[in-house]
């Protein structure tokens, strides 16, 4: 039933929008009355072992009695629009557990590397009784900011062997992360992971402290052996508990909701514009003239803007 509800909400069909709106309105009332869930964003570059980490962590959490929902956002195929990686097939043990729900969704080109309906899917999972929702991002582009703005705690997984790689780490990522964990602290890379964690700690200390006084912990762990996973989760839980007790969690979720509404409105406006045949036709003509150097891009934009305004006024008059 949850899977069908998510499919309904993700559908781009106009006939499904009314049903989805009614469903989400009912869900919002339920989750608002009992906001006990934890929303955790997890990011990291490809190859850091996000799926292995999430499965190992998820198995430990379900054994503790939690119900875990994993929203694994995959890169989209440029041909079919569907998921390329298929995280559900990479989390075989967790997917089969009766206290876990794993949902891979294609990013479908959405800015930020998260599915366009990820936030709504989070609400559906919470209404279905999952008290921990893990959102895995593809870890590219603007994904860090997008995930951080829809979760309570943002966990960044890092590769061992920082060294020169440390120079290429985005300062913005370290500023967004609530918890940093260096994965693959096992075998030949165990010592490298320990050294990398120490280096990341130094970098984090050099960054201005958070407004709320939270000191970002930097830990090392192994998704393969399970060493350090409990410590990483304890840090995530400590962060979330602190936000909840201070009242900051409720305020943060309210701000996230308004930002998400604006994002969805902007996407909807773009969709309405590009669905208009006249606008699309004019765009093709103007694009051809710009490519042929017959028209400056700024003039093309002004002509398109005038056409959009004309169509809007005609719609209002009707």
C-alpha atoms as a PDB file:
ATOM      1  CA  UNK A   1       0.000   0.000   0.000  1.00  0.00           C
ATOM      2  CA  UNK A   2       2.857   2.393   0.805  1.00  0.00           C
ATOM      3  CA  UNK A   3       4.499   1.604  -2.518  1.00  0.00           C
ATOM      4  CA  UNK A   4       1.270   2.345  -4.357  1.00  0.00           C
ATOM      5  CA  UNK A   5       0.837   5.616  -2.445  1.00  0.00           C
ATOM      6  CA  UNK A   6       4.347   6.733  -3.407  1.00  0.00           C
ATOM      7  CA  UNK A   7       3.710   5.817  -7.047  1.00  0.00           C
ATOM      8  CA  UNK A   8       0.539   7.920  -6.958  1.00  0.00           C
ATOM      9  CA  UNK A   9       2.364  10.933  -5.522  1.00  0.00           C
ATOM     10  CA  UNK A  10       5.255  10.574  -7.989  1.00  0.00           C
ATOM     11  CA  UNK A  11       2.897  10.331 -10.963  1.00  0.00           C
ATOM     12  CA  UNK A  12       2.919  13.232 -13.382  1.00  0.00           C
ATOM     13  CA  UNK A  13      -0.578  12.403 -14.621  1.00  0.00           C
ATOM     14  CA  UNK A  14      -3.074  15.251 -14.074  1.00  0.00           C
ATOM     15  CA  UNK A  15      -5.779  12.746 -13.097  1.00  0.00           C
ATOM     16  CA  UNK A  16      -3.632  11.554 -10.178  1.00  0.00           C
ATOM     17  CA  UNK A  17      -2.892  15.026  -8.790  1.00  0.00           C
ATOM     18  CA  UNK A  18      -6.239  15.454  -7.027  1.00  0.00           C
ATOM     19  CA  UNK A  19      -5.983  12.048  -5.348  1.00  0.00           C
ATOM     20  CA  UNK A  20      -2.386  12.729  -4.351  1.00  0.00           C
ATOM     21  CA  UNK A  21      -3.349  16.098  -2.883  1.00  0.00           C
ATOM     22  CA  UNK A  22      -6.111  14.568  -0.782  1.00  0.00           C
ATOM     23  CA  UNK A  23      -3.785  11.816   0.415  1.00  0.00           C
ATOM     24  CA  UNK A  24      -0.977  14.198   1.360  1.00  0.00           C
ATOM     25  CA  UNK A  25      -3.353  16.538   3.200  1.00  0.00           C
ATOM     26  CA  UNK A  26      -4.585  13.653   5.359  1.00  0.00           C
ATOM     27  CA  UNK A  27      -1.028  12.436   5.925  1.00  0.00           C
ATOM     28  CA  UNK A  28       0.196  15.900   6.957  1.00  0.00           C
ATOM     29  CA  UNK A  29      -2.435  16.096   9.698  1.00  0.00           C
ATOM     30  CA  UNK A  30      -1.419  12.697  11.041  1.00  0.00           C
ATOM     31  CA  UNK A  31       2.341  13.292  11.050  1.00  0.00           C
ATOM     32  CA  UNK A  32       1.952  16.762  12.566  1.00  0.00           C
ATOM     33  CA  UNK A  33       0.120  15.287  15.537  1.00  0.00           C
ATOM     34  CA  UNK A  34       2.925  12.828  16.250  1.00  0.00           C
ATOM     35  CA  UNK A  35       6.293  14.083  14.877  1.00  0.00           C
ATOM     36  CA  UNK A  36       8.468  11.394  16.454  1.00  0.00           C
ATOM     37  CA  UNK A  37      10.362  10.285  13.369  1.00  0.00           C
ATOM     38  CA  UNK A  38      14.010  10.924  12.549  1.00  0.00           C
ATOM     39  CA  UNK A  39      14.888  12.144   9.070  1.00  0.00           C
ATOM     40  CA  UNK A  40      18.530  11.545   8.205  1.00  0.00           C
ATOM     41  CA  UNK A  41      20.215  12.561   4.968  1.00  0.00           C
ATOM     42  CA  UNK A  42      23.250  10.568   3.846  1.00  0.00           C
ATOM     43  CA  UNK A  43      25.627  11.748   1.149  1.00  0.00           C
ATOM     44  CA  UNK A  44      29.060  10.915  -0.173  1.00  0.00           C
ATOM     45  CA  UNK A  45      30.906  10.634  -3.445  1.00  0.00           C
ATOM     46  CA  UNK A  46      30.304   7.557  -5.630  1.00  0.00           C
ATOM     47  CA  UNK A  47      32.419   4.687  -4.343  1.00  0.00           C
ATOM     48  CA  UNK A  48      32.353   5.726  -0.696  1.00  0.00           C
ATOM     49  CA  UNK A  49      30.052   2.794   0.088  1.00  0.00           C
ATOM     50  CA  UNK A  50      26.747   4.518   0.867  1.00  0.00           C
ATOM     51  CA  UNK A  51      24.544   1.536   0.044  1.00  0.00           C
ATOM     52  CA  UNK A  52      26.686  -0.892   2.039  1.00  0.00           C
ATOM     53  CA  UNK A  53      26.766   1.563   4.945  1.00  0.00           C
ATOM     54  CA  UNK A  54      22.999   2.066   4.889  1.00  0.00           C
ATOM     55  CA  UNK A  55      22.283  -1.656   4.753  1.00  0.00           C
ATOM     56  CA  UNK A  56      24.637  -2.423   7.658  1.00  0.00           C
ATOM     57  CA  UNK A  57      23.299   0.457   9.731  1.00  0.00           C
ATOM     58  CA  UNK A  58      19.707  -0.372   8.815  1.00  0.00           C
ATOM     59  CA  UNK A  59      20.085  -4.010   9.855  1.00  0.00           C
ATOM     60  CA  UNK A  60      21.433  -2.931  13.233  1.00  0.00           C
ATOM     61  CA  UNK A  61      18.582  -0.463  13.734  1.00  0.00           C
ATOM     62  CA  UNK A  62      15.813  -2.918  12.836  1.00  0.00           C
ATOM     63  CA  UNK A  63      17.306  -5.401  15.296  1.00  0.00           C
ATOM     64  CA  UNK A  64      16.908  -2.674  17.934  1.00  0.00           C
ATOM     65  CA  UNK A  65      13.191  -2.512  17.144  1.00  0.00           C
ATOM     66  CA  UNK A  66      13.105   0.456  14.777  1.00  0.00           C
ATOM     67  CA  UNK A  67      11.201   0.527  11.506  1.00  0.00           C
ATOM     68  CA  UNK A  68      13.455   1.869   8.754  1.00  0.00           C
ATOM     69  CA  UNK A  69      12.512   3.460   5.448  1.00  0.00           C
ATOM     70  CA  UNK A  70      15.296   4.060   2.932  1.00  0.00           C
ATOM     71  CA  UNK A  71      14.709   6.449   0.054  1.00  0.00           C
ATOM     72  CA  UNK A  72      17.580   5.698  -2.288  1.00  0.00           C
ATOM     73  CA  UNK A  73      17.637   8.270  -5.060  1.00  0.00           C
ATOM     74  CA  UNK A  74      19.409   6.866  -8.118  1.00  0.00           C
ATOM     75  CA  UNK A  75      20.793   8.689 -11.139  1.00  0.00           C
ATOM     76  CA  UNK A  76      18.339   8.558 -14.020  1.00  0.00           C
ATOM     77  CA  UNK A  77      18.860   6.935 -17.380  1.00  0.00           C
ATOM     78  CA  UNK A  78      18.861   9.514 -20.167  1.00  0.00           C
ATOM     79  CA  UNK A  79      17.107   6.926 -22.335  1.00  0.00           C
ATOM     80  CA  UNK A  80      14.328   5.515 -20.150  1.00  0.00           C
ATOM     81  CA  UNK A  81      14.228   8.045 -17.311  1.00  0.00           C
ATOM     82  CA  UNK A  82      14.376   5.184 -14.820  1.00  0.00           C
ATOM     83  CA  UNK A  83      16.878   4.349 -12.091  1.00  0.00           C
ATOM     84  CA  UNK A  84      20.294   3.172 -13.254  1.00  0.00           C
ATOM     85  CA  UNK A  85      21.812   1.694 -10.094  1.00  0.00           C
ATOM     86  CA  UNK A  86      18.834   0.019  -8.450  1.00  0.00           C
ATOM     87  CA  UNK A  87      19.730   0.349  -4.763  1.00  0.00           C
ATOM     88  CA  UNK A  88      17.056  -2.160  -3.803  1.00  0.00           C
ATOM     89  CA  UNK A  89      19.107  -4.881  -5.473  1.00  0.00           C
ATOM     90  CA  UNK A  90      22.188  -3.706  -3.562  1.00  0.00           C
ATOM     91  CA  UNK A  91      20.443  -3.854  -0.171  1.00  0.00           C
ATOM     92  CA  UNK A  92      19.196  -7.416  -0.397  1.00  0.00           C
ATOM     93  CA  UNK A  93      19.168  -8.206   3.348  1.00  0.00           C
ATOM     94  CA  UNK A  94      17.546  -4.931   4.370  1.00  0.00           C
ATOM     95  CA  UNK A  95      14.975  -5.056   1.562  1.00  0.00           C
ATOM     96  CA  UNK A  96      13.857  -8.488   2.722  1.00  0.00           C
ATOM     97  CA  UNK A  97      13.393  -7.473   6.375  1.00  0.00           C
ATOM     98  CA  UNK A  98       9.788  -7.020   7.473  1.00  0.00           C
ATOM     99  CA  UNK A  99      10.666  -3.889   9.481  1.00  0.00           C
ATOM    100  CA  UNK A 100      12.353  -2.141   6.558  1.00  0.00           C
ATOM    101  CA  UNK A 101      11.163  -0.460   3.374  1.00  0.00           C
ATOM    102  CA  UNK A 102      13.597   0.378   0.561  1.00  0.00           C
ATOM    103  CA  UNK A 103      12.423   2.553  -2.287  1.00  0.00           C
ATOM    104  CA  UNK A 104      14.764   3.423  -5.163  1.00  0.00           C
ATOM    105  CA  UNK A 105      13.545   6.416  -7.164  1.00  0.00           C
ATOM    106  CA  UNK A 106      15.091   8.012 -10.249  1.00  0.00           C
ATOM    107  CA  UNK A 107      16.250  11.602  -9.812  1.00  0.00           C
ATOM    108  CA  UNK A 108      14.768  12.212 -13.271  1.00  0.00           C
ATOM    109  CA  UNK A 109      17.026  15.167 -13.857  1.00  0.00           C
ATOM    110  CA  UNK A 110      15.779  17.061 -10.826  1.00  0.00           C
ATOM    111  CA  UNK A 111      18.238  19.696  -9.644  1.00  0.00           C
ATOM    112  CA  UNK A 112      19.945  18.465  -6.520  1.00  0.00           C
ATOM    113  CA  UNK A 113      20.027  14.769  -7.300  1.00  0.00           C
ATOM    114  CA  UNK A 114      16.917  14.010  -5.266  1.00  0.00           C
ATOM    115  CA  UNK A 115      13.598  12.817  -6.616  1.00  0.00           C
ATOM    116  CA  UNK A 116      11.068  15.571  -7.202  1.00  0.00           C
ATOM    117  CA  UNK A 117       8.707  14.062  -4.623  1.00  0.00           C
ATOM    118  CA  UNK A 118      11.210  12.970  -1.988  1.00  0.00           C
ATOM    119  CA  UNK A 119       9.751  15.209   0.709  1.00  0.00           C
ATOM    120  CA  UNK A 120       6.231  13.914   0.109  1.00  0.00           C
ATOM    121  CA  UNK A 121       7.551  10.353   0.172  1.00  0.00           C
ATOM    122  CA  UNK A 122       9.109  11.043   3.588  1.00  0.00           C
ATOM    123  CA  UNK A 123       5.685  12.050   4.912  1.00  0.00           C
ATOM    124  CA  UNK A 124       4.101   8.885   3.513  1.00  0.00           C
ATOM    125  CA  UNK A 125       6.742   6.693   5.144  1.00  0.00           C
ATOM    126  CA  UNK A 126       6.209   8.382   8.504  1.00  0.00           C
ATOM    127  CA  UNK A 127       2.437   7.958   8.226  1.00  0.00           C
ATOM    128  CA  UNK A 128       3.022   4.261   7.523  1.00  0.00           C
ATOM    129  CA  UNK A 129       4.808   3.922  10.860  1.00  0.00           C
ATOM    130  CA  UNK A 130       8.494   4.123   9.928  1.00  0.00           C
ATOM    131  CA  UNK A 131      10.237   6.020  12.719  1.00  0.00           C
ATOM    132  CA  UNK A 132      13.572   6.446  10.905  1.00  0.00           C
ATOM    133  CA  UNK A 133      13.765   7.674   7.315  1.00  0.00           C
ATOM    134  CA  UNK A 134      17.159   7.574   5.600  1.00  0.00           C
ATOM    135  CA  UNK A 135      17.506   9.614   2.415  1.00  0.00           C
ATOM    136  CA  UNK A 136      20.454   8.573   0.271  1.00  0.00           C
ATOM    137  CA  UNK A 137      21.519  11.056  -2.380  1.00  0.00           C
ATOM    138  CA  UNK A 138      23.494  10.394  -5.541  1.00  0.00           C
ATOM    139  CA  UNK A 139      26.163  12.678  -4.087  1.00  0.00           C
ATOM    140  CA  UNK A 140      26.607  15.007  -7.040  1.00  0.00           C
ATOM    141  CA  UNK A 141      25.939  18.645  -7.875  1.00  0.00           C
ATOM    142  CA  UNK A 142      23.582  20.406  -5.483  1.00  0.00           C
ATOM    143  CA  UNK A 143      22.482  17.180  -3.790  1.00  0.00           C
ATOM    144  CA  UNK A 144      24.100  18.033  -0.454  1.00  0.00           C
ATOM    145  CA  UNK A 145      22.098  21.231  -0.040  1.00  0.00           C
ATOM    146  CA  UNK A 146      18.862  19.650  -1.292  1.00  0.00           C
ATOM    147  CA  UNK A 147      19.039  16.734   1.158  1.00  0.00           C
ATOM    148  CA  UNK A 148      20.182  18.868   4.091  1.00  0.00           C
ATOM    149  CA  UNK A 149      17.109  21.056   3.566  1.00  0.00           C
ATOM    150  CA  UNK A 150      14.647  18.180   3.945  1.00  0.00           C
ATOM    151  CA  UNK A 151      16.178  16.199   6.825  1.00  0.00           C
ATOM    152  CA  UNK A 152      16.872  16.671  10.539  1.00  0.00           C
ATOM    153  CA  UNK A 153      20.468  15.472  10.513  1.00  0.00           C
ATOM    154  CA  UNK A 154      22.896  15.407   7.595  1.00  0.00           C
ATOM    155  CA  UNK A 155      25.551  12.679   7.578  1.00  0.00           C
ATOM    156  CA  UNK A 156      28.503  12.929   5.183  1.00  0.00           C
ATOM    157  CA  UNK A 157      30.483   9.787   4.381  1.00  0.00           C
ATOM    158  CA  UNK A 158      34.112  10.310   3.411  1.00  0.00           C
ATOM    159  CA  UNK A 159      36.753   8.127   1.810  1.00  0.00           C
ATOM    160  CA  UNK A 160      39.950   7.214   3.675  1.00  0.00           C
ATOM    161  CA  UNK A 161      43.315   8.543   2.559  1.00  0.00           C
ATOM    162  CA  UNK A 162      42.410  12.242   2.646  1.00  0.00           C
ATOM    163  CA  UNK A 163      45.788  13.790   1.825  1.00  0.00           C
ATOM    164  CA  UNK A 164      45.564  15.673  -1.459  1.00  0.00           C
ATOM    165  CA  UNK A 165      41.884  14.775  -1.722  1.00  0.00           C
ATOM    166  CA  UNK A 166      41.239  16.991   1.284  1.00  0.00           C
ATOM    167  CA  UNK A 167      42.083  20.014  -0.841  1.00  0.00           C
ATOM    168  CA  UNK A 168      39.209  19.187  -3.178  1.00  0.00           C
ATOM    169  CA  UNK A 169      36.579  18.727  -0.469  1.00  0.00           C
ATOM    170  CA  UNK A 170      33.843  21.314  -0.745  1.00  0.00           C
ATOM    171  CA  UNK A 171      33.886  23.710   2.167  1.00  0.00           C
ATOM    172  CA  UNK A 172      30.116  23.952   1.761  1.00  0.00           C
ATOM    173  CA  UNK A 173      29.733  20.224   2.387  1.00  0.00           C
ATOM    174  CA  UNK A 174      31.656  20.396   5.654  1.00  0.00           C
ATOM    175  CA  UNK A 175      29.571  23.389   6.701  1.00  0.00           C
ATOM    176  CA  UNK A 176      26.340  21.507   6.002  1.00  0.00           C
ATOM    177  CA  UNK A 177      27.287  18.187   7.613  1.00  0.00           C
ATOM    178  CA  UNK A 178      26.048  17.513  11.152  1.00  0.00           C
ATOM    179  CA  UNK A 179      28.114  14.325  11.418  1.00  0.00           C
ATOM    180  CA  UNK A 180      31.119  13.201   9.358  1.00  0.00           C
ATOM    181  CA  UNK A 181      32.136   9.548   9.094  1.00  0.00           C
ATOM    182  CA  UNK A 182      35.159   8.175   7.259  1.00  0.00           C
ATOM    183  CA  UNK A 183      34.059   4.807   5.888  1.00  0.00           C
ATOM    184  CA  UNK A 184      36.150   1.733   4.980  1.00  0.00           C
ATOM    185  CA  UNK A 185      38.120   1.714   8.237  1.00  0.00           C
ATOM    186  CA  UNK A 186      39.036  -1.930   7.752  1.00  0.00           C
ATOM    187  CA  UNK A 187      41.814  -4.048   6.262  1.00  0.00           C
ATOM    188  CA  UNK A 188      44.523  -2.176   4.381  1.00  0.00           C
ATOM    189  CA  UNK A 189      42.659   1.130   4.576  1.00  0.00           C
ATOM    190  CA  UNK A 190      42.048   1.112   8.337  1.00  0.00           C
ATOM    191  CA  UNK A 191      45.084   3.255   9.192  1.00  0.00           C
ATOM    192  CA  UNK A 192      44.346   5.592   6.286  1.00  0.00           C
ATOM    193  CA  UNK A 193      40.800   6.076   7.547  1.00  0.00           C
ATOM    194  CA  UNK A 194      42.051   6.945  11.029  1.00  0.00           C
ATOM    195  CA  UNK A 195      44.475   9.511   9.609  1.00  0.00           C
ATOM    196  CA  UNK A 196      41.807  10.973   7.342  1.00  0.00           C
ATOM    197  CA  UNK A 197      39.426  11.380  10.281  1.00  0.00           C
ATOM    198  CA  UNK A 198      42.093  13.301  12.181  1.00  0.00           C
ATOM    199  CA  UNK A 199      42.664  15.588   9.193  1.00  0.00           C
ATOM    200  CA  UNK A 200      38.950  16.221   8.731  1.00  0.00           C
ATOM    201  CA  UNK A 201      38.684  17.114  12.420  1.00  0.00           C
ATOM    202  CA  UNK A 202      41.294  19.802  11.916  1.00  0.00           C
ATOM    203  CA  UNK A 203      39.465  21.230   8.929  1.00  0.00           C
ATOM    204  CA  UNK A 204      36.102  21.195  10.725  1.00  0.00           C
ATOM    205  CA  UNK A 205      37.606  23.055  13.691  1.00  0.00           C
ATOM    206  CA  UNK A 206      38.869  25.785  11.349  1.00  0.00           C
ATOM    207  CA  UNK A 207      35.365  26.414  10.042  1.00  0.00           C
ATOM    208  CA  UNK A 208      33.184  28.849  11.944  1.00  0.00           C
ATOM    209  CA  UNK A 209      31.150  27.120  14.654  1.00  0.00           C
ATOM    210  CA  UNK A 210      27.418  26.540  14.273  1.00  0.00           C
ATOM    211  CA  UNK A 211      24.974  29.120  15.520  1.00  0.00           C
ATOM    212  CA  UNK A 212      23.469  26.528  17.863  1.00  0.00           C
ATOM    213  CA  UNK A 213      26.851  25.518  19.279  1.00  0.00           C
ATOM    214  CA  UNK A 214      26.862  22.007  17.793  1.00  0.00           C
ATOM    215  CA  UNK A 215      30.396  20.656  17.375  1.00  0.00           C
ATOM    216  CA  UNK A 216      30.473  18.363  14.346  1.00  0.00           C
ATOM    217  CA  UNK A 217      31.855  14.941  15.338  1.00  0.00           C
ATOM    218  CA  UNK A 218      34.244  13.230  12.930  1.00  0.00           C
ATOM    219  CA  UNK A 219      34.324   9.442  13.275  1.00  0.00           C
ATOM    220  CA  UNK A 220      35.660   6.427  11.403  1.00  0.00           C
ATOM    221  CA  UNK A 221      33.722   3.251  10.692  1.00  0.00           C
ATOM    222  CA  UNK A 222      33.490   0.163   8.528  1.00  0.00           C
ATOM    223  CA  UNK A 223      30.259  -0.738   6.794  1.00  0.00           C
ATOM    224  CA  UNK A 224      31.718  -4.179   6.097  1.00  0.00           C
ATOM    225  CA  UNK A 225      32.753  -5.201   9.641  1.00  0.00           C
ATOM    226  CA  UNK A 226      30.255  -2.988  11.478  1.00  0.00           C
ATOM    227  CA  UNK A 227      32.987  -1.369  13.600  1.00  0.00           C
ATOM    228  CA  UNK A 228      32.082   2.192  14.532  1.00  0.00           C
ATOM    229  CA  UNK A 229      28.536   2.110  13.144  1.00  0.00           C
ATOM    230  CA  UNK A 230      26.949   2.360  16.575  1.00  0.00           C
ATOM    231  CA  UNK A 231      29.099   5.386  17.442  1.00  0.00           C
ATOM    232  CA  UNK A 232      28.110   7.082  14.186  1.00  0.00           C
ATOM    233  CA  UNK A 233      24.417   6.482  14.856  1.00  0.00           C
ATOM    234  CA  UNK A 234      24.746   7.669  18.462  1.00  0.00           C
ATOM    235  CA  UNK A 235      26.132  10.954  17.131  1.00  0.00           C
ATOM    236  CA  UNK A 236      23.192  11.262  14.717  1.00  0.00           C
ATOM    237  CA  UNK A 237      20.725  10.507  17.517  1.00  0.00           C
ATOM    238  CA  UNK A 238      22.401  13.011  19.834  1.00  0.00           C
ATOM    239  CA  UNK A 239      22.087  15.725  17.205  1.00  0.00           C
ATOM    240  CA  UNK A 240      18.418  14.990  16.549  1.00  0.00           C
ATOM    241  CA  UNK A 241      17.556  14.727  20.249  1.00  0.00           C
ATOM    242  CA  UNK A 242      19.242  18.063  20.945  1.00  0.00           C
ATOM    243  CA  UNK A 243      17.241  19.771  18.204  1.00  0.00           C
ATOM    244  CA  UNK A 244      14.008  18.235  19.459  1.00  0.00           C
ATOM    245  CA  UNK A 245      14.557  19.224  23.104  1.00  0.00           C
ATOM    246  CA  UNK A 246      15.500  22.811  22.206  1.00  0.00           C
ATOM    247  CA  UNK A 247      12.463  23.257  19.957  1.00  0.00           C
ATOM    248  CA  UNK A 248      14.724  23.857  16.985  1.00  0.00           C
ATOM    249  CA  UNK A 249      13.522  20.710  15.205  1.00  0.00           C
ATOM    250  CA  UNK A 250       9.959  21.959  14.884  1.00  0.00           C
ATOM    251  CA  UNK A 251      11.175  25.339  13.646  1.00  0.00           C
ATOM    252  CA  UNK A 252      13.574  23.734  11.167  1.00  0.00           C
ATOM    253  CA  UNK A 253      10.878  21.499   9.691  1.00  0.00           C
ATOM    254  CA  UNK A 254       8.547  24.475   9.306  1.00  0.00           C
ATOM    255  CA  UNK A 255      11.221  26.403   7.389  1.00  0.00           C
ATOM    256  CA  UNK A 256      11.975  23.367   5.260  1.00  0.00           C
ATOM    257  CA  UNK A 257       8.307  23.088   4.352  1.00  0.00           C
ATOM    258  CA  UNK A 258       8.068  26.661   3.084  1.00  0.00           C
ATOM    259  CA  UNK A 259      11.313  26.356   1.104  1.00  0.00           C
ATOM    260  CA  UNK A 260      10.114  23.119  -0.458  1.00  0.00           C
ATOM    261  CA  UNK A 261       6.819  24.742  -1.419  1.00  0.00           C
ATOM    262  CA  UNK A 262       8.670  27.500  -3.251  1.00  0.00           C
ATOM    263  CA  UNK A 263      10.852  24.953  -5.042  1.00  0.00           C
ATOM    264  CA  UNK A 264       7.827  22.972  -6.168  1.00  0.00           C
ATOM    265  CA  UNK A 265       6.048  26.154  -7.285  1.00  0.00           C
ATOM    266  CA  UNK A 266       9.025  27.156  -9.430  1.00  0.00           C
ATOM    267  CA  UNK A 267       9.146  23.679 -10.985  1.00  0.00           C
ATOM    268  CA  UNK A 268       5.409  23.780 -11.642  1.00  0.00           C
ATOM    269  CA  UNK A 269       5.673  27.174 -13.342  1.00  0.00           C
ATOM    270  CA  UNK A 270       8.465  25.885 -15.579  1.00  0.00           C
ATOM    271  CA  UNK A 271       6.346  22.869 -16.471  1.00  0.00           C
ATOM    272  CA  UNK A 272       3.340  25.018 -17.359  1.00  0.00           C
ATOM    273  CA  UNK A 273       5.511  27.228 -19.561  1.00  0.00           C
ATOM    274  CA  UNK A 274       7.083  24.356 -21.480  1.00  0.00           C
ATOM    275  CA  UNK A 275       3.762  22.559 -21.891  1.00  0.00           C
ATOM    276  CA  UNK A 276       2.420  25.550 -23.842  1.00  0.00           C
ATOM    277  CA  UNK A 277       2.776  24.756 -27.542  1.00  0.00           C
ATOM    278  CA  UNK A 278       3.042  28.383 -28.619  1.00  0.00           C
ATOM    279  CA  UNK A 279       5.816  29.085 -26.135  1.00  0.00           C
ATOM    280  CA  UNK A 280       7.700  25.963 -27.206  1.00  0.00           C
ATOM    281  CA  UNK A 281       7.337  26.902 -30.866  1.00  0.00           C
ATOM    282  CA  UNK A 282       8.561  30.436 -30.215  1.00  0.00           C
ATOM    283  CA  UNK A 283      11.463  29.046 -28.178  1.00  0.00           C
ATOM    284  CA  UNK A 284      12.568  26.868 -31.095  1.00  0.00           C
ATOM    285  CA  UNK A 285      12.491  29.824 -33.499  1.00  0.00           C
ATOM    286  CA  UNK A 286      14.366  32.114 -31.133  1.00  0.00           C
ATOM    287  CA  UNK A 287      16.916  29.440 -30.281  1.00  0.00           C
ATOM    288  CA  UNK A 288      17.669  28.954 -33.987  1.00  0.00           C
ATOM    289  CA  UNK A 289      18.208  32.696 -34.446  1.00  0.00           C
ATOM    290  CA  UNK A 290      20.472  32.916 -31.374  1.00  0.00           C
ATOM    291  CA  UNK A 291      22.556  29.961 -32.594  1.00  0.00           C
ATOM    292  CA  UNK A 292      22.889  31.665 -35.980  1.00  0.00           C
ATOM    293  CA  UNK A 293      24.023  34.882 -34.257  1.00  0.00           C
ATOM    294  CA  UNK A 294      20.992  36.691 -35.670  1.00  0.00           C
ATOM    295  CA  UNK A 295      19.695  37.646 -32.233  1.00  0.00           C
ATOM    296  CA  UNK A 296      21.381  38.376 -28.876  1.00  0.00           C
ATOM    297  CA  UNK A 297      20.314  35.981 -26.062  1.00  0.00           C
ATOM    298  CA  UNK A 298      19.037  38.910 -23.979  1.00  0.00           C
ATOM    299  CA  UNK A 299      16.661  39.976 -26.767  1.00  0.00           C
ATOM    300  CA  UNK A 300      15.466  36.378 -27.093  1.00  0.00           C
ATOM    301  CA  UNK A 301      14.684  36.247 -23.391  1.00  0.00           C
ATOM    302  CA  UNK A 302      12.710  39.497 -23.611  1.00  0.00           C
ATOM    303  CA  UNK A 303      10.617  38.154 -26.512  1.00  0.00           C
ATOM    304  CA  UNK A 304       9.922  34.933 -24.617  1.00  0.00           C
ATOM    305  CA  UNK A 305       9.031  36.892 -21.480  1.00  0.00           C
ATOM    306  CA  UNK A 306       6.576  39.030 -23.452  1.00  0.00           C
ATOM    307  CA  UNK A 307       4.983  35.925 -24.975  1.00  0.00           C
ATOM    308  CA  UNK A 308       4.641  34.258 -21.558  1.00  0.00           C
ATOM    309  CA  UNK A 309       3.057  37.395 -20.114  1.00  0.00           C
ATOM    310  CA  UNK A 310       0.623  37.557 -23.032  1.00  0.00           C
ATOM    311  CA  UNK A 311      -0.394  33.931 -22.534  1.00  0.00           C
ATOM    312  CA  UNK A 312      -0.809  34.525 -18.803  1.00  0.00           C
ATOM    313  CA  UNK A 313      -3.059  37.525 -19.349  1.00  0.00           C
ATOM    314  CA  UNK A 314      -5.139  35.593 -21.878  1.00  0.00           C
ATOM    315  CA  UNK A 315      -5.531  32.771 -19.334  1.00  0.00           C
ATOM    316  CA  UNK A 316      -6.639  35.236 -16.630  1.00  0.00           C
ATOM    317  CA  UNK A 317      -9.233  36.836 -18.929  1.00  0.00           C
ATOM    318  CA  UNK A 318     -10.818  33.425 -19.471  1.00  0.00           C
END
